[in-house]
Amino acid sequence: MAYSSVIVVTLLAAWTYLHFATVRESAEASTMIAIGSVWLPVYPGAVTERSDSTEHDRAVESTFCFRSKDPTSKVLAFYAPKLRTARFQSYSTRRTDAGGMLQAIAAGRDTTLLITARPWNGGSEVQITTLDR
């Protein structure tokens, strides 16, 4: 009797792993990028312009820049709810006719995240910067 329970538990564990660990919940989950110590989804349809990281004064500044055919308001609206999560302890936003910015501080770390977007050629030019101290 105990042997059949082990088989059932093993089969259930294998099914659970195959079903939940290998099935992606959304396309967004498969397109994450690390910018410094922060993981964020890549904006859908983004065209990467550059990505770099520099160290100065015991801090690491990482930058990811991209362009999109979408207006700045749409790009900022995509990222805003991602910065209002438990991973960030504070959040602020500023939008203007010339674009806008989102800023957040990672909870439990000395990491600041800044997303700036400005109009570019009918779309947007976006820079995501993290500062890890």
N, C-alpha and C. Protein backbone atom coordinates (compact mmCIF):
# COMPACT_ATOMS: atom_id res chain seq x y z
N MET A 1 0.82 -1.18 0.00
CA MET A 1 0.00 0.00 0.00
C MET A 1 0.87 1.25 0.00
N ALA A 2 1.91 1.30 0.79
CA ALA A 2 2.79 2.46 0.86
C ALA A 2 3.53 2.67 -0.45
N TYR A 3 3.88 1.56 -1.13
CA TYR A 3 4.58 1.66 -2.41
C TYR A 3 3.71 2.35 -3.45
N SER A 4 2.42 2.06 -3.51
CA SER A 4 1.53 2.69 -4.48
C SER A 4 1.34 4.18 -4.16
N SER A 5 1.39 4.55 -2.88
CA SER A 5 1.30 5.96 -2.50
C SER A 5 2.50 6.74 -2.99
N VAL A 6 3.69 6.12 -2.93
CA VAL A 6 4.90 6.76 -3.41
C VAL A 6 4.81 6.99 -4.92
N ILE A 7 4.28 6.02 -5.64
CA ILE A 7 4.13 6.15 -7.10
C ILE A 7 3.15 7.27 -7.42
N VAL A 8 2.03 7.31 -6.71
CA VAL A 8 1.03 8.35 -6.96
C VAL A 8 1.61 9.73 -6.67
N VAL A 9 2.32 9.88 -5.56
CA VAL A 9 2.92 11.17 -5.20
C VAL A 9 3.97 11.57 -6.23
N THR A 10 4.77 10.62 -6.68
CA THR A 10 5.80 10.90 -7.69
C THR A 10 5.16 11.35 -9.00
N LEU A 11 4.12 10.66 -9.44
CA LEU A 11 3.44 11.04 -10.68
C LEU A 11 2.78 12.41 -10.55
N LEU A 12 2.18 12.68 -9.39
CA LEU A 12 1.56 13.97 -9.16
C LEU A 12 2.60 15.09 -9.16
N ALA A 13 3.74 14.84 -8.55
CA ALA A 13 4.83 15.83 -8.53
C ALA A 13 5.34 16.09 -9.93
N ALA A 14 5.52 15.04 -10.72
CA ALA A 14 6.00 15.20 -12.09
C ALA A 14 5.00 15.98 -12.93
N TRP A 15 3.71 15.66 -12.79
CA TRP A 15 2.68 16.39 -13.54
C TRP A 15 2.66 17.86 -13.13
N THR A 16 2.72 18.13 -11.83
CA THR A 16 2.71 19.51 -11.34
C THR A 16 3.89 20.29 -11.89
N TYR A 17 5.08 19.68 -11.86
CA TYR A 17 6.26 20.36 -12.41
C TYR A 17 6.08 20.65 -13.89
N LEU A 18 5.68 19.66 -14.66
CA LEU A 18 5.54 19.85 -16.10
C LEU A 18 4.46 20.87 -16.43
N HIS A 19 3.40 20.87 -15.66
CA HIS A 19 2.30 21.79 -15.94
C HIS A 19 2.63 23.23 -15.54
N PHE A 20 3.13 23.43 -14.33
CA PHE A 20 3.33 24.78 -13.83
C PHE A 20 4.71 25.37 -14.12
N ALA A 21 5.73 24.57 -14.12
CA ALA A 21 7.09 25.10 -14.31
C ALA A 21 7.44 25.32 -15.76
N THR A 22 6.80 24.62 -16.66
CA THR A 22 7.16 24.75 -18.07
C THR A 22 6.14 25.51 -18.89
N VAL A 23 4.97 25.83 -18.31
CA VAL A 23 3.95 26.59 -19.03
C VAL A 23 4.10 28.06 -18.66
N ARG A 24 4.31 28.90 -19.66
CA ARG A 24 4.47 30.33 -19.39
C ARG A 24 3.11 30.96 -19.22
N GLU A 25 3.01 31.83 -18.23
CA GLU A 25 1.74 32.48 -17.97
C GLU A 25 1.44 33.58 -18.97
N SER A 26 2.46 34.27 -19.45
CA SER A 26 2.25 35.33 -20.42
C SER A 26 3.55 35.57 -21.19
N ALA A 27 3.41 36.23 -22.31
CA ALA A 27 4.60 36.56 -23.09
C ALA A 27 5.52 37.48 -22.31
N GLU A 28 4.92 38.33 -21.46
CA GLU A 28 5.73 39.27 -20.68
C GLU A 28 6.71 38.55 -19.77
N ALA A 29 6.29 37.42 -19.21
CA ALA A 29 7.15 36.69 -18.28
C ALA A 29 8.41 36.18 -18.96
N SER A 30 8.38 36.00 -20.26
CA SER A 30 9.55 35.46 -20.96
C SER A 30 10.48 36.53 -21.49
N THR A 31 10.11 37.80 -21.31
CA THR A 31 10.92 38.87 -21.86
C THR A 31 11.37 39.85 -20.78
N MET A 32 11.98 39.31 -19.76
CA MET A 32 12.47 40.13 -18.65
C MET A 32 13.94 40.47 -18.91
N ILE A 33 14.35 41.60 -18.36
CA ILE A 33 15.74 42.02 -18.49
C ILE A 33 16.20 42.54 -17.13
N ALA A 34 17.46 42.24 -16.81
CA ALA A 34 18.06 42.76 -15.58
C ALA A 34 18.73 44.09 -15.92
N ILE A 35 18.33 45.11 -15.20
CA ILE A 35 18.96 46.42 -15.33
C ILE A 35 19.53 46.69 -13.94
N GLY A 36 20.82 46.49 -13.80
CA GLY A 36 21.41 46.50 -12.47
C GLY A 36 20.87 45.33 -11.68
N SER A 37 20.35 45.57 -10.50
CA SER A 37 19.79 44.50 -9.68
C SER A 37 18.28 44.38 -9.81
N VAL A 38 17.69 45.13 -10.74
CA VAL A 38 16.24 45.14 -10.91
C VAL A 38 15.86 44.40 -12.19
N TRP A 39 14.89 43.50 -12.07
CA TRP A 39 14.35 42.80 -13.24
C TRP A 39 13.05 43.48 -13.65
N LEU A 40 12.96 43.84 -14.93
CA LEU A 40 11.76 44.46 -15.48
C LEU A 40 11.42 43.80 -16.83
N PRO A 41 10.15 43.83 -17.20
CA PRO A 41 9.81 43.33 -18.53
C PRO A 41 10.29 44.30 -19.61
N VAL A 42 10.69 43.76 -20.72
CA VAL A 42 11.05 44.59 -21.87
C VAL A 42 9.75 45.07 -22.50
N TYR A 43 9.68 46.34 -22.84
CA TYR A 43 8.47 46.88 -23.44
C TYR A 43 8.20 46.16 -24.77
N PRO A 44 6.95 45.74 -25.00
CA PRO A 44 6.62 45.03 -26.25
C PRO A 44 6.96 45.87 -27.48
N GLY A 45 7.69 45.29 -28.39
CA GLY A 45 8.08 45.97 -29.62
C GLY A 45 9.24 46.93 -29.48
N ALA A 46 9.88 46.94 -28.32
CA ALA A 46 11.00 47.85 -28.08
C ALA A 46 12.18 47.51 -28.99
N VAL A 47 12.86 48.55 -29.46
CA VAL A 47 14.08 48.39 -30.24
C VAL A 47 15.21 48.90 -29.37
N THR A 48 16.08 48.00 -28.93
CA THR A 48 17.16 48.36 -28.02
C THR A 48 18.16 49.28 -28.71
N GLU A 49 18.49 50.36 -28.03
CA GLU A 49 19.48 51.30 -28.53
C GLU A 49 20.84 51.05 -27.88
N ARG A 50 20.84 50.88 -26.57
CA ARG A 50 22.09 50.59 -25.87
C ARG A 50 21.79 50.09 -24.47
N SER A 51 22.78 49.46 -23.92
CA SER A 51 22.72 48.98 -22.54
C SER A 51 24.13 49.01 -21.99
N ASP A 52 24.31 49.62 -20.83
CA ASP A 52 25.66 49.67 -20.26
C ASP A 52 25.59 49.78 -18.75
N SER A 53 26.74 49.64 -18.15
CA SER A 53 26.86 49.71 -16.70
C SER A 53 28.21 50.31 -16.36
N THR A 54 28.21 51.24 -15.40
CA THR A 54 29.46 51.85 -14.96
C THR A 54 29.50 51.86 -13.44
N GLU A 55 30.71 51.80 -12.92
CA GLU A 55 30.89 51.83 -11.47
C GLU A 55 31.65 53.09 -11.10
N HIS A 56 31.13 53.80 -10.09
CA HIS A 56 31.82 54.98 -9.59
C HIS A 56 31.35 55.25 -8.16
N ASP A 57 32.29 55.64 -7.32
CA ASP A 57 32.01 55.96 -5.91
C ASP A 57 31.25 54.84 -5.20
N ARG A 58 31.68 53.62 -5.34
CA ARG A 58 31.09 52.43 -4.72
C ARG A 58 29.62 52.23 -5.09
N ALA A 59 29.22 52.73 -6.24
CA ALA A 59 27.86 52.56 -6.75
C ALA A 59 27.94 52.09 -8.20
N VAL A 60 26.95 51.32 -8.61
CA VAL A 60 26.89 50.85 -9.99
C VAL A 60 25.65 51.45 -10.64
N GLU A 61 25.88 52.15 -11.74
CA GLU A 61 24.78 52.73 -12.51
C GLU A 61 24.62 51.91 -13.78
N SER A 62 23.42 51.37 -13.98
CA SER A 62 23.13 50.56 -15.16
C SER A 62 22.03 51.24 -15.96
N THR A 63 22.17 51.21 -17.28
CA THR A 63 21.23 51.90 -18.16
C THR A 63 20.81 50.99 -19.30
N PHE A 64 19.53 51.04 -19.61
CA PHE A 64 18.97 50.32 -20.75
C PHE A 64 18.13 51.34 -21.52
N CYS A 65 18.47 51.58 -22.79
CA CYS A 65 17.76 52.55 -23.62
C CYS A 65 17.11 51.84 -24.80
N PHE A 66 15.88 52.26 -25.09
CA PHE A 66 15.18 51.69 -26.25
C PHE A 66 14.27 52.73 -26.87
N ARG A 67 13.83 52.40 -28.06
CA ARG A 67 12.86 53.24 -28.78
C ARG A 67 11.62 52.40 -29.06
N SER A 68 10.50 53.09 -29.13
CA SER A 68 9.22 52.44 -29.39
C SER A 68 8.41 53.30 -30.34
N LYS A 69 7.52 52.69 -31.08
CA LYS A 69 6.61 53.43 -31.95
C LYS A 69 5.44 54.00 -31.17
N ASP A 70 5.29 53.58 -29.90
CA ASP A 70 4.18 54.04 -29.06
C ASP A 70 4.50 55.38 -28.41
N PRO A 71 3.46 56.16 -28.07
CA PRO A 71 3.68 57.43 -27.40
C PRO A 71 4.21 57.23 -25.98
N THR A 72 4.82 58.26 -25.43
CA THR A 72 5.40 58.15 -24.09
C THR A 72 4.37 57.78 -23.04
N SER A 73 3.15 58.29 -23.18
CA SER A 73 2.11 57.99 -22.18
C SER A 73 1.82 56.50 -22.11
N LYS A 74 1.84 55.83 -23.24
CA LYS A 74 1.58 54.38 -23.26
C LYS A 74 2.74 53.59 -22.64
N VAL A 75 3.96 54.01 -22.93
CA VAL A 75 5.13 53.33 -22.36
C VAL A 75 5.15 53.50 -20.84
N LEU A 76 4.92 54.72 -20.37
CA LEU A 76 4.91 54.97 -18.93
C LEU A 76 3.76 54.24 -18.25
N ALA A 77 2.62 54.16 -18.91
CA ALA A 77 1.47 53.42 -18.35
C ALA A 77 1.77 51.93 -18.24
N PHE A 78 2.61 51.40 -19.11
CA PHE A 78 3.01 50.00 -19.06
C PHE A 78 3.87 49.73 -17.81
N TYR A 79 4.81 50.63 -17.54
CA TYR A 79 5.73 50.40 -16.42
C TYR A 79 5.18 50.83 -15.06
N ALA A 80 4.26 51.78 -15.01
CA ALA A 80 3.77 52.31 -13.73
C ALA A 80 3.26 51.23 -12.78
N PRO A 81 2.39 50.30 -13.19
CA PRO A 81 1.91 49.31 -12.22
C PRO A 81 3.01 48.35 -11.74
N LYS A 82 4.04 48.18 -12.53
CA LYS A 82 5.14 47.30 -12.13
C LYS A 82 5.97 47.92 -11.02
N LEU A 83 5.93 49.25 -10.91
CA LEU A 83 6.69 49.95 -9.87
C LEU A 83 5.84 50.21 -8.63
N ARG A 84 4.58 49.87 -8.68
CA ARG A 84 3.69 50.04 -7.52
C ARG A 84 3.51 48.72 -6.79
N THR A 85 4.52 47.89 -6.79
CA THR A 85 4.42 46.57 -6.15
C THR A 85 5.18 46.58 -4.83
N ALA A 86 5.12 45.46 -4.13
CA ALA A 86 5.81 45.32 -2.85
C ALA A 86 7.33 45.36 -3.01
N ARG A 87 7.84 45.17 -4.22
CA ARG A 87 9.28 45.20 -4.43
C ARG A 87 9.86 46.60 -4.29
N PHE A 88 8.99 47.61 -4.33
CA PHE A 88 9.44 48.99 -4.24
C PHE A 88 8.76 49.68 -3.06
N GLN A 89 9.54 50.39 -2.26
CA GLN A 89 8.98 51.03 -1.07
C GLN A 89 8.45 52.43 -1.32
N SER A 90 8.91 53.07 -2.36
CA SER A 90 8.35 54.38 -2.70
C SER A 90 8.29 54.51 -4.21
N TYR A 91 7.39 55.35 -4.66
CA TYR A 91 7.13 55.48 -6.09
C TYR A 91 6.66 56.90 -6.36
N SER A 92 7.17 57.49 -7.42
CA SER A 92 6.69 58.81 -7.83
C SER A 92 6.64 58.88 -9.35
N THR A 93 5.83 59.78 -9.85
CA THR A 93 5.67 59.92 -11.29
C THR A 93 5.52 61.40 -11.64
N ARG A 94 5.96 61.73 -12.83
CA ARG A 94 5.78 63.09 -13.35
C ARG A 94 5.61 62.97 -14.86
N ARG A 95 4.53 63.51 -15.36
CA ARG A 95 4.28 63.48 -16.80
C ARG A 95 4.10 64.90 -17.30
N THR A 96 4.68 65.14 -18.47
CA THR A 96 4.58 66.46 -19.09
C THR A 96 4.27 66.26 -20.57
N ASP A 97 4.07 67.37 -21.26
CA ASP A 97 3.85 67.28 -22.71
C ASP A 97 5.09 66.75 -23.42
N ALA A 98 6.25 66.93 -22.80
CA ALA A 98 7.51 66.49 -23.40
C ALA A 98 7.90 65.08 -22.94
N GLY A 99 6.99 64.32 -22.35
CA GLY A 99 7.30 62.97 -21.90
C GLY A 99 6.96 62.79 -20.45
N GLY A 100 7.89 62.20 -19.71
CA GLY A 100 7.63 62.00 -18.30
C GLY A 100 8.66 61.09 -17.68
N MET A 101 8.46 60.83 -16.37
CA MET A 101 9.39 59.97 -15.66
C MET A 101 8.67 59.22 -14.55
N LEU A 102 9.21 58.06 -14.24
CA LEU A 102 8.77 57.25 -13.11
C LEU A 102 10.00 56.98 -12.27
N GLN A 103 9.85 57.08 -10.97
CA GLN A 103 10.98 56.82 -10.08
C GLN A 103 10.50 55.92 -8.94
N ALA A 104 11.36 54.97 -8.55
CA ALA A 104 11.03 54.07 -7.44
C ALA A 104 12.31 53.70 -6.70
N ILE A 105 12.15 53.33 -5.43
CA ILE A 105 13.26 52.85 -4.61
C ILE A 105 12.93 51.42 -4.21
N ALA A 106 13.87 50.52 -4.46
CA ALA A 106 13.65 49.10 -4.18
C ALA A 106 13.57 48.87 -2.67
N ALA A 107 12.62 48.07 -2.26
CA ALA A 107 12.42 47.76 -0.84
C ALA A 107 13.57 46.90 -0.33
N GLY A 108 14.10 47.27 0.82
CA GLY A 108 15.15 46.49 1.46
C GLY A 108 16.52 46.61 0.83
N ARG A 109 16.68 47.48 -0.16
CA ARG A 109 17.98 47.67 -0.80
C ARG A 109 18.19 49.14 -1.04
N ASP A 110 19.41 49.49 -1.31
CA ASP A 110 19.72 50.88 -1.64
C ASP A 110 19.81 50.99 -3.15
N THR A 111 18.68 50.79 -3.80
CA THR A 111 18.61 50.81 -5.26
C THR A 111 17.52 51.77 -5.70
N THR A 112 17.88 52.69 -6.58
CA THR A 112 16.92 53.63 -7.14
C THR A 112 16.74 53.31 -8.62
N LEU A 113 15.51 53.39 -9.08
CA LEU A 113 15.16 53.12 -10.47
C LEU A 113 14.51 54.36 -11.05
N LEU A 114 14.95 54.75 -12.24
CA LEU A 114 14.39 55.92 -12.91
C LEU A 114 14.09 55.55 -14.36
N ILE A 115 12.85 55.79 -14.76
CA ILE A 115 12.45 55.56 -16.16
C ILE A 115 12.05 56.92 -16.73
N THR A 116 12.73 57.33 -17.77
CA THR A 116 12.39 58.59 -18.44
C THR A 116 11.99 58.29 -19.88
N ALA A 117 10.98 58.99 -20.33
CA ALA A 117 10.50 58.80 -21.71
C ALA A 117 10.28 60.17 -22.33
N ARG A 118 10.69 60.29 -23.57
CA ARG A 118 10.47 61.54 -24.28
C ARG A 118 10.06 61.21 -25.71
N PRO A 119 9.30 62.12 -26.33
CA PRO A 119 8.88 61.88 -27.71
C PRO A 119 10.09 61.77 -28.64
N TRP A 120 9.96 60.89 -29.60
CA TRP A 120 11.02 60.72 -30.59
C TRP A 120 10.41 60.20 -31.89
N ASN A 121 10.52 60.95 -32.95
CA ASN A 121 10.16 60.51 -34.30
C ASN A 121 8.79 59.83 -34.35
N GLY A 122 7.79 60.42 -33.73
CA GLY A 122 6.44 59.86 -33.74
C GLY A 122 6.21 58.78 -32.70
N GLY A 123 7.22 58.44 -31.93
CA GLY A 123 7.10 57.43 -30.90
C GLY A 123 7.77 57.90 -29.62
N SER A 124 8.54 57.01 -29.01
CA SER A 124 9.19 57.34 -27.74
C SER A 124 10.63 56.87 -27.72
N GLU A 125 11.43 57.62 -26.98
CA GLU A 125 12.78 57.21 -26.64
C GLU A 125 12.79 57.08 -25.11
N VAL A 126 13.18 55.90 -24.63
CA VAL A 126 13.06 55.60 -23.21
C VAL A 126 14.41 55.20 -22.65
N GLN A 127 14.69 55.67 -21.44
CA GLN A 127 15.91 55.29 -20.73
C GLN A 127 15.50 54.78 -19.36
N ILE A 128 15.95 53.58 -19.02
CA ILE A 128 15.74 53.00 -17.69
C ILE A 128 17.10 52.94 -17.02
N THR A 129 17.20 53.59 -15.88
CA THR A 129 18.48 53.65 -15.15
C THR A 129 18.28 53.16 -13.73
N THR A 130 19.22 52.32 -13.28
CA THR A 130 19.23 51.91 -11.87
C THR A 130 20.54 52.36 -11.26
N LEU A 131 20.48 52.71 -9.99
CA LEU A 131 21.66 53.06 -9.22
C LEU A 131 21.67 52.16 -8.01
N ASP A 132 22.66 51.23 -7.96
CA ASP A 132 22.81 50.29 -6.87
C ASP A 132 23.98 50.73 -6.00
N ARG A 133 23.72 50.99 -4.73
CA ARG A 133 24.78 51.40 -3.81
C ARG A 133 25.11 50.29 -2.86
